[in-house]
Structures are given as C-alpha cells and as structure tokens.
Amino acid sequence: MAKVLWLNWSGGGNLPPSLGIARVLSERGHEVAFAGRPEMVPRVKRAGFRAIEVSRSYEQALRYPNKWIPRAASFLTSPAVAEEISDLVPEEAPDLLIVDAMFPVALVAAKRFKGPNVVICHTCVNRMLEPWRNMLAMLGALRVEAGFDPLPTALEDLWMSRDELLVTTLEELDRPPAGLAPANKIHHVGPVLEAERNAAPVTLPWSASDPTPLVLVSFSTMPEQGSVPKFQRTIDAIAGLAVHAVVTVGDSIDAGALAPAANVAVFATADHDALMRQSSLVVTHGGHGTMMRALKHGLPMVVIPGLASDQPVNAAAVQTWGAGKALPPDATTHMIRAAIEDVLGSPQNLAKAQQLSQKLAGVDGAANAADELERQLRAA
C-alpha cells in the first residue's frame, strides 16, 4: 500500500475527477489524502477521504488586487500557502505526490519532494497551451502586485520538470503536441466523470412519459463563477420554448434568487448522468467535465463560457466539431433562445455528438490514471 498526498485546487470541475482517481487508488489498497482550501474539506470528507485544510489559504488575500479573484489568487500563489505546504509535505511523508496543474505555489514548493511527483490537468493541454501560459503568467503577475517575490510560471518549469503530466481528457479530442517537451512525459488517460455523493436523483415535476424535450442547464457549480443574471437569462430564454428544463446551480448562487418559469425546475444538485439519459440538449458553461459528460451521452450543446480560461476554448471546439453552438459569455436571452432552437432542430448537431460519444465509449479515465500513478510508484 502506498501513501498518496494530493495538493488540490478544488475550483470548478477539478475536484470530482480527482476524487474519481482517488476512489480507484483506494480500491487498490492505497491511502489518499487531499490538502486544499477550506471549501474543499467537506467535499473530500463526504467522498470518504482524509482532508487536510490549508489553514493559511486566505491569510494574504487582502494584499491581492481586485483584478481577478483575490481569495483564489491568494490560495494559488501566496507565500503563506507555500510555507504551509513546504511544512506539510515532509510531515505527511507520502510515497507519491500529486499536484494540480493550476496550483503554481504548490508546484514550486513540491519541487523539493524527492519521491514520484506527478502533475495532473483536468482539461485539454494542447488545445489550451496558450491560455494555460497566459493564466499562470496572470497569477504570477497578481502575486507581484501583492508585493511578493516573483514565482516561476513557465510550464516547462512548473509541469515538465516533474515525472509525469497526466491529462484527463481524450487524446483524440486534444490537438497534437504543441510545444511542451519532453512529450513522453504527457499521458492522456481519458475523462474521469465522477459524480459527487450529493449528486442525487431528483423528482421532476413532469410525467416520465411526457414526450416534451428535456434541456439540462448546468453552468459552474462554484461560487467564483456564479452568475444570477446568466442563469436568469437562460431561464427566460427557455420559458418561451416548447421544452422542459432542469437547472442545477450547485454552490454558485442561491436558487431562491432566480425568478421561476412554468417549464423550468431548479435544483441545487442533481445526478447529471440520470438527467442526461432523458435529455435532448445540454446548455453549459463549457467546463471540461460537463462537456465530456454530454458528449459521452451523445448530447449536443449550447455553450456560454464563464470565467475559466478553458471554457471559451471548449466552446469553440464544440462548434468546430459540429456538436452544438458557442455563444459569448454575455449572450442575451434572445441569443440563447435562438441557439437552443437551432441546436434542438439540427439533426447534424445530434449526429456529430453521437459520433463523438462512440470515441468515449468504454474509456475509464480513473482506472487509466491509477495505472499510470502505480507505474510511477513501481519505478521509484
């Protein structure tokens, strides 16, 4: 049995696939602990894993400029977090260290770890290469504006100096290698579509035999990306259509802040796989997990990107693949309604989504990732 420590960024869709990989490792007899910001802790405990709160996550947040999300920037880059992680890793003495690709201060602090050291990325790398460089450079610039010493931000230093870079997407849906070397350290393992335990089935207010098309609306579930106006514009767009819709908001907003529509049901959480088996369309922010889950079910999409840098890239990819439409982040009610009508009425969009679903059939990203991590342990 190996002891695994996961330095985790739980924003957006990063935590569910991490938990999926940890589940497989645990089933194989390994012990996995997650270290991360306070918001991560209850989610990890609910999944049955040990959670270590990085207590200094936001200690220096007030020093950060309000250009991005100061609390997130503090957790991802601050010296206080670096010091805590630098103490934590030797205390835990793991056999294997996993660090989230978007956690630069942890990546730097973890360089002193002498055992197997793996970086994990929960979205595309090659299609996202320039946005990844820009995102990490932006985080580094925010740290400097906060008055701290510069942090290395080059991907070659943060990622490629480690033993391996695991990418939880399908290699076919990523572009060919685009400048990261050595390329033999990059391993695409496939999507990890893990459902958290609070994603329970929901009772819909319509009969199961009702033939009305069902639309699933799922934007980011995290507070950093919550937008009441975006949800409301989407609900208002759907209100004028001959469809039913389920909207899930997670922790991103208070569902009570939304004005209802007769053909729309709003839930905090729900089992997306169960809903997608009944759905005809997914309206999403373009998060990698939701996008891959929709494609796995052969569902076309309308994508309205949010804050994360991969979301516009994913939106453009969905449209390029012919599996739906991409809209701007500030899409109006009229634009959303027109896009939903267009995609629902397009046999071509449905056919393309179903073709892509065949590529994902039988792919077990969690097991593939666990195989790679165990290979690193054997090589140590």
Foldseek 3Di string as FASTA:
>chain_A
DFEEEEEDDPFFPGPQLVLLLVVVVVVVPYAYEYEAAPVVQVLQVLSPHHYHHLVCQQVLLVLFDPPARSSSLSNQDNPSSLVSLLVPCVVSVGQEYEYELSRQSNLVSCVPPPHAYEYEYAAACQLCVVVQLVSQVVSQVRRVSSPDDGGDRDCCSSHVVGQAYEYAADPVLHDPHDDHPPPVRYDHQYHAQGDGPVAAADDDPDDPPDPAAEEEEEETQDQSFADQVVVQLLQLLCLPDRHAYEYERHNNDDPVVHDHHPRYHYYPHHNVLVVLLRHQEYEYQQDRNVVVSNLLSLHAYEHQHTDDSCRVSSQVSSVVLLQAHYDYNPDGSVRSNVRVVVNSPDPSNSVSSPVSSVVNPPRNSSVSVSVVSVVSSVVD
